[in-house]
Amino acid sequence: MKYLFATFFTLSMFVSIAQQEIPLYTGRIPNSKNCGTNNETEINQLGREVYKVVNTPTLTIYEPINKDPQKPAILICPGGGYAVLAIHHEGHDVAKAFSAIGITAFVLKYRLPNDSCMNNKEWVPLIDAQSAIKYIRSNANKYAINPNKIGVIGFSAGGHLASTLATQFNWNLYNDGSKTSARPDFAILGYPVISMNDEFTHAGSKNKLLGKNVSTANKEQFSSELQVSKQTPPCFIFHAKDDKTVPVENSVRMKAALDAANIPSEFLLMEEGGHGFGLNNTKSTIQWFEEMKKWLEIIN
């Protein structure tokens, strides 16, 4: 309990954080259909804001009070099973924590797969994530960040998106004329959906992203443990053993694939915590954010 108090106290000292929300695209939104532009929100049973529909993707930017250009920047992908976007506790709360330690954070409100509002829905979240990394890197001078220290963090289905970005960044899904790389320089995966393997995937995420009648080829395409290559960036993974929603086997398989490819990685396996705990796992004395900070210092 003393450890948790110290963590919260440290973060609470940084309350004045600059932020702004901007549209991800200034022109036509790729792969979109005429679906309107209103985003539908609701408050779930825990009083946390979630988006049920996203037609206009955005970035919310949290800039530290005291910037250090040598510190990395981070793109944040909230989870929600590709059905909703848990943008509060897996987005804005996390961004504030990163900003408090001097890291510029960008919360991505990405489009949720929806056949009626987009073409090739399975690729749309990745298009948005690629576009976000390219925007951040292209505007490195504007935000006083190092273009070679831009990472991504994702939670649950957002972890699947982050791992897909880390393993399939070379797909030029949206040709905007830019030659800027969409490769993240590191990836942080929180209780992530990794695989589309029916034995241990999260069925809800798989069905929302790929549909129920999905080919073997598509399952493999979106199984990140099968897409790891020598170009995959360093990864930090955290997961609780008692996660009943996304089996820990997802992270185990990803770690094994990274090791096989000799990609630097760290896997923080916690005994308890369940799923969806966001920034703070109240059932663990080991906090992923503190361990992740140490890892970032090593790789950067």
Protein backbone atom coordinates (compact mmCIF):
# COMPACT_ATOMS: atom_id res chain seq x y z
CA MET A 1 0.00 0.00 0.00
CA LYS A 2 2.87 2.38 0.74
CA TYR A 3 4.26 1.66 -2.72
CA LEU A 4 0.96 2.47 -4.39
CA PHE A 5 0.59 5.67 -2.38
CA ALA A 6 4.03 6.81 -3.46
CA THR A 7 3.17 6.18 -7.10
CA PHE A 8 -0.08 8.14 -6.94
CA PHE A 9 1.56 10.96 -5.00
CA THR A 10 4.32 11.30 -7.59
CA LEU A 11 1.84 11.51 -10.44
CA SER A 12 -0.40 13.94 -8.59
CA MET A 13 2.43 16.47 -8.43
CA PHE A 14 2.06 17.05 -12.20
CA VAL A 15 -1.43 18.43 -12.63
CA SER A 16 -0.89 21.22 -15.13
CA ILE A 17 -0.57 19.36 -18.43
CA ALA A 18 -1.08 21.02 -21.81
CA GLN A 19 -3.36 19.09 -24.13
CA GLN A 20 -5.23 19.51 -27.40
CA GLU A 21 -7.30 17.28 -29.66
CA ILE A 22 -6.75 17.40 -33.42
CA PRO A 23 -8.25 15.45 -36.33
CA LEU A 24 -5.97 12.66 -37.55
CA TYR A 25 -6.79 13.49 -41.16
CA THR A 26 -7.17 16.95 -42.65
CA GLY A 27 -8.82 15.74 -45.84
CA ARG A 28 -10.64 12.60 -46.87
CA ILE A 29 -10.64 9.88 -44.26
CA PRO A 30 -9.24 6.74 -45.93
CA ASN A 31 -11.52 3.73 -46.41
CA SER A 32 -14.50 5.63 -44.98
CA LYS A 33 -18.07 5.54 -46.23
CA ASN A 34 -20.65 8.31 -45.80
CA CYS A 35 -21.67 7.52 -42.24
CA GLY A 36 -21.86 10.95 -40.67
CA THR A 37 -19.30 12.44 -38.31
CA ASN A 38 -20.94 12.22 -34.89
CA ASN A 39 -19.25 10.03 -32.31
CA GLU A 40 -21.56 8.25 -29.92
CA THR A 41 -20.45 8.10 -26.29
CA GLU A 42 -21.75 6.42 -23.20
CA ILE A 43 -20.71 5.97 -19.58
CA ASN A 44 -20.22 2.37 -18.58
CA GLN A 45 -20.94 0.82 -15.22
CA LEU A 46 -17.61 1.97 -13.77
CA GLY A 47 -18.24 5.57 -14.70
CA ARG A 48 -15.55 5.52 -17.38
CA GLU A 49 -16.01 7.19 -20.73
CA VAL A 50 -16.05 4.88 -23.73
CA TYR A 51 -16.77 5.44 -27.41
CA LYS A 52 -19.17 3.05 -29.10
CA VAL A 53 -18.76 4.56 -32.57
CA VAL A 54 -15.81 6.42 -34.03
CA ASN A 55 -16.13 7.88 -37.52
CA THR A 56 -13.66 10.75 -37.16
CA PRO A 57 -10.32 9.59 -35.70
CA THR A 58 -8.36 12.09 -33.62
CA LEU A 59 -5.18 12.53 -31.62
CA THR A 60 -5.24 14.11 -28.17
CA ILE A 61 -1.79 15.45 -27.39
CA TYR A 62 -0.40 15.71 -23.87
CA GLU A 63 2.78 17.79 -23.75
CA PRO A 64 4.96 17.84 -20.63
CA ILE A 65 5.50 21.14 -18.85
CA ASN A 66 9.27 20.68 -19.00
CA LYS A 67 10.15 19.09 -22.32
CA ASP A 68 13.30 17.07 -22.87
CA PRO A 69 13.93 16.36 -26.59
CA GLN A 70 15.99 13.33 -25.61
CA LYS A 71 13.01 11.62 -24.00
CA PRO A 72 10.82 9.36 -26.15
CA ALA A 73 7.27 10.09 -27.29
CA ILE A 74 4.40 7.60 -27.13
CA LEU A 75 1.27 6.79 -29.14
CA ILE A 76 -1.49 5.32 -26.95
CA CYS A 77 -4.07 2.83 -28.30
CA PRO A 78 -6.92 2.18 -25.82
CA GLY A 79 -8.64 -1.19 -25.77
CA GLY A 80 -12.26 -2.30 -25.82
CA GLY A 81 -12.42 -5.46 -27.91
CA TYR A 82 -12.66 -3.44 -31.15
CA ALA A 83 -16.28 -2.90 -30.06
CA VAL A 84 -15.80 0.17 -27.84
CA LEU A 85 -12.88 2.45 -27.06
CA ALA A 86 -11.96 2.64 -23.36
CA ILE A 87 -10.37 6.01 -23.95
CA HIS A 88 -10.45 7.25 -20.36
CA HIS A 89 -8.58 4.73 -18.18
CA GLU A 90 -6.59 3.17 -21.04
CA GLY A 91 -6.01 6.46 -22.84
CA HIS A 92 -6.12 9.81 -21.09
CA ASP A 93 -5.10 8.51 -17.65
CA VAL A 94 -2.09 6.79 -19.18
CA ALA A 95 -1.18 9.89 -21.20
CA LYS A 96 -1.13 12.00 -18.05
CA ALA A 97 1.21 9.52 -16.40
CA PHE A 98 3.61 9.61 -19.33
CA SER A 99 3.46 13.39 -19.52
CA ALA A 100 4.24 13.57 -15.81
CA ILE A 101 7.61 11.90 -16.45
CA GLY A 102 8.43 14.19 -19.36
CA ILE A 103 7.18 12.03 -22.24
CA THR A 104 4.90 13.60 -24.87
CA ALA A 105 1.86 11.35 -25.27
CA PHE A 106 -0.65 11.07 -28.11
CA VAL A 107 -3.98 9.33 -27.41
CA LEU A 108 -5.36 7.78 -30.59
CA LYS A 109 -9.12 7.69 -31.01
CA TYR A 110 -9.08 5.13 -33.79
CA ARG A 111 -12.01 3.89 -35.84
CA LEU A 112 -13.74 0.73 -34.65
CA PRO A 113 -14.28 -1.91 -37.37
CA ASN A 114 -17.71 -1.42 -38.94
CA ASP A 115 -18.71 -2.71 -42.39
CA SER A 116 -21.42 -0.10 -42.81
CA CYS A 117 -19.02 2.82 -42.26
CA MET A 118 -15.80 1.66 -43.93
CA ASN A 119 -14.25 -0.50 -46.61
CA ASN A 120 -11.97 -3.39 -45.61
CA LYS A 121 -12.75 -2.83 -41.95
CA GLU A 122 -10.03 -5.20 -40.72
CA TRP A 123 -7.31 -2.84 -41.94
CA VAL A 124 -8.86 0.44 -40.78
CA PRO A 125 -7.51 0.53 -37.17
CA LEU A 126 -4.02 -0.16 -38.53
CA ILE A 127 -4.41 2.58 -41.14
CA ASP A 128 -5.22 5.02 -38.33
CA ALA A 129 -2.29 3.81 -36.19
CA GLN A 130 0.14 4.05 -39.10
CA SER A 131 -1.12 7.54 -39.94
CA ALA A 132 -0.72 8.59 -36.30
CA ILE A 133 2.92 7.45 -36.11
CA LYS A 134 3.68 9.19 -39.40
CA TYR A 135 2.05 12.40 -38.16
CA ILE A 136 4.04 12.35 -34.92
CA ARG A 137 7.32 11.64 -36.70
CA SER A 138 6.66 14.28 -39.38
CA ASN A 139 5.95 16.86 -36.68
CA ALA A 140 8.84 15.99 -34.39
CA ASN A 141 10.23 19.52 -34.53
CA LYS A 142 6.83 21.02 -33.71
CA TYR A 143 6.52 18.93 -30.55
CA ALA A 144 10.25 19.03 -29.70
CA ILE A 145 10.61 15.25 -29.73
CA ASN A 146 13.18 12.87 -31.16
CA PRO A 147 11.83 11.28 -34.39
CA ASN A 148 13.87 8.16 -33.62
CA LYS A 149 12.30 7.62 -30.19
CA ILE A 150 8.58 7.27 -30.95
CA GLY A 151 6.88 4.25 -29.44
CA VAL A 152 3.41 2.78 -29.14
CA ILE A 153 1.48 1.35 -26.20
CA GLY A 154 -1.77 -0.55 -26.44
CA PHE A 155 -4.11 -2.30 -24.03
CA SER A 156 -6.12 -5.45 -24.76
CA ALA A 157 -7.48 -5.02 -28.33
CA GLY A 158 -5.42 -1.82 -28.41
CA GLY A 159 -2.48 -4.10 -27.60
CA HIS A 160 -3.37 -6.12 -30.66
CA LEU A 161 -3.37 -2.93 -32.70
CA ALA A 162 -0.01 -1.88 -31.22
CA SER A 163 1.50 -5.31 -31.91
CA THR A 164 0.13 -5.27 -35.46
CA LEU A 165 1.71 -1.86 -35.98
CA ALA A 166 5.01 -3.13 -34.56
CA THR A 167 5.06 -6.17 -36.86
CA GLN A 168 3.32 -4.92 -40.02
CA PHE A 169 4.40 -1.27 -40.30
CA ASN A 170 5.76 -1.83 -43.82
CA TRP A 171 2.30 -2.25 -45.36
CA ASN A 172 1.59 1.06 -47.12
CA LEU A 173 -2.13 0.95 -46.39
CA TYR A 174 -2.78 4.66 -46.95
CA ASN A 175 -0.65 6.27 -49.63
CA ASP A 176 -0.62 9.92 -48.60
CA GLY A 177 2.52 10.63 -50.59
CA SER A 178 4.66 10.68 -47.48
CA LYS A 179 7.86 8.65 -47.23
CA THR A 180 7.86 8.91 -43.45
CA SER A 181 8.23 5.56 -41.70
CA ALA A 182 5.31 4.16 -39.72
CA ARG A 183 7.61 1.88 -37.69
CA PRO A 184 7.44 2.48 -33.94
CA ASP A 185 10.82 2.51 -32.23
CA PHE A 186 9.48 0.42 -29.35
CA ALA A 187 6.19 -1.17 -28.32
CA ILE A 188 4.51 -1.65 -24.94
CA LEU A 189 1.76 -4.27 -24.87
CA GLY A 190 -0.65 -4.38 -21.95
CA TYR A 191 -2.63 -7.62 -21.44
CA PRO A 192 -2.74 -7.73 -25.24
CA VAL A 193 -4.79 -9.71 -27.69
CA ILE A 194 -1.99 -11.09 -29.86
CA SER A 195 -3.28 -14.09 -31.74
CA MET A 196 -6.36 -14.98 -33.77
CA ASN A 197 -5.81 -18.66 -32.93
CA ASP A 198 -9.23 -19.94 -31.83
CA GLU A 199 -7.75 -21.82 -28.87
CA PHE A 200 -6.64 -18.72 -26.96
CA THR A 201 -7.70 -15.58 -28.79
CA HIS A 202 -10.26 -13.14 -27.45
CA ALA A 203 -13.25 -14.16 -29.55
CA GLY A 204 -14.96 -10.79 -29.30
CA SER A 205 -11.96 -8.92 -30.69
CA LYS A 206 -11.46 -11.47 -33.46
CA ASN A 207 -15.10 -11.36 -34.52
CA LYS A 208 -15.31 -7.56 -34.52
CA LEU A 209 -12.10 -7.18 -36.49
CA LEU A 210 -12.27 -10.09 -38.92
CA GLY A 211 -15.85 -11.35 -38.79
CA LYS A 212 -17.04 -14.80 -37.78
CA ASN A 213 -16.33 -16.53 -41.09
CA VAL A 214 -12.66 -15.73 -41.38
CA SER A 215 -10.13 -17.53 -43.57
CA THR A 216 -7.05 -19.22 -42.20
CA ALA A 217 -4.91 -16.76 -44.15
CA ASN A 218 -6.60 -13.78 -42.47
CA LYS A 219 -6.23 -15.36 -39.03
CA GLU A 220 -2.52 -15.75 -39.62
CA GLN A 221 -2.20 -12.24 -41.07
CA PHE A 222 -3.57 -10.73 -37.88
CA SER A 223 -1.77 -13.05 -35.46
CA SER A 224 1.14 -10.90 -34.36
CA GLU A 225 3.19 -13.77 -32.98
CA LEU A 226 3.39 -15.07 -36.56
CA GLN A 227 4.41 -11.71 -38.01
CA VAL A 228 7.47 -10.96 -35.86
CA SER A 229 10.57 -10.26 -37.95
CA LYS A 230 14.10 -8.94 -37.51
CA GLN A 231 12.65 -5.44 -38.03
CA THR A 232 10.20 -5.68 -35.13
CA PRO A 233 11.11 -3.08 -32.48
CA PRO A 234 11.92 -3.86 -28.83
CA CYS A 235 8.84 -4.78 -26.78
CA PHE A 236 7.73 -4.58 -23.16
CA ILE A 237 4.78 -6.85 -22.32
CA PHE A 238 2.74 -7.05 -19.13
CA HIS A 239 -0.09 -9.43 -18.29
CA ALA A 240 -1.73 -11.02 -15.24
CA LYS A 241 -1.88 -14.79 -14.91
CA ASP A 242 -5.51 -14.67 -13.76
CA ASP A 243 -6.76 -12.76 -16.83
CA LYS A 244 -10.03 -14.48 -17.71
CA THR A 245 -10.76 -12.27 -20.73
CA VAL A 246 -7.55 -12.42 -22.75
CA PRO A 247 -5.61 -15.58 -21.89
CA VAL A 248 -2.01 -14.94 -20.85
CA GLU A 249 -1.00 -17.41 -23.56
CA ASN A 250 -1.23 -14.49 -25.97
CA SER A 251 1.67 -12.74 -24.27
CA VAL A 252 3.59 -15.98 -23.77
CA ARG A 253 3.45 -16.68 -27.51
CA MET A 254 4.49 -13.14 -28.38
CA LYS A 255 7.46 -13.27 -26.02
CA ALA A 256 8.56 -16.59 -27.53
CA ALA A 257 8.35 -15.17 -31.05
CA LEU A 258 10.39 -12.11 -30.05
CA ASP A 259 13.03 -14.31 -28.42
CA ALA A 260 13.23 -16.51 -31.52
CA ALA A 261 13.89 -13.42 -33.65
CA ASN A 262 16.41 -12.04 -31.11
CA ILE A 263 14.30 -8.92 -30.54
CA PRO A 264 15.03 -7.27 -27.16
CA SER A 265 11.98 -7.71 -24.96
CA GLU A 266 10.79 -7.90 -21.39
CA PHE A 267 7.76 -9.76 -20.07
CA LEU A 268 6.28 -8.71 -16.73
CA LEU A 269 4.01 -11.54 -15.61
CA MET A 270 1.89 -10.66 -12.58
CA GLU A 271 0.16 -13.24 -10.40
CA GLU A 272 -3.11 -11.28 -10.10
CA GLY A 273 -4.86 -8.36 -11.69
CA GLY A 274 -7.43 -9.81 -14.03
CA HIS A 275 -8.10 -7.81 -17.16
CA GLY A 276 -8.49 -4.15 -18.01
CA PHE A 277 -6.78 -2.61 -14.98
CA GLY A 278 -5.22 0.18 -17.02
CA LEU A 279 -2.56 2.28 -15.33
CA ASN A 280 -2.65 0.65 -11.88
CA ASN A 281 -3.02 -3.00 -10.99
CA THR A 282 -4.38 -2.76 -7.45
CA LYS A 283 -3.87 -6.50 -6.89
CA SER A 284 -0.15 -6.37 -7.48
CA THR A 285 2.71 -4.83 -5.50
CA ILE A 286 4.69 -4.68 -8.75
CA GLN A 287 3.43 -1.87 -10.98
CA TRP A 288 4.00 -2.16 -14.71
CA PHE A 289 4.48 1.57 -15.20
CA GLU A 290 7.42 1.67 -12.79
CA GLU A 291 9.02 -1.38 -14.39
CA MET A 292 8.38 0.01 -17.85
CA LYS A 293 10.16 3.27 -16.94
CA LYS A 294 13.30 1.31 -16.05
CA TRP A 295 13.09 -0.57 -19.34
CA LEU A 296 12.68 2.64 -21.35
CA GLU A 297 15.82 4.04 -19.79
CA ILE A 298 17.73 0.94 -20.88
CA ILE A 299 16.59 0.91 -24.52
CA ASN A 300 16.69 4.68 -24.98
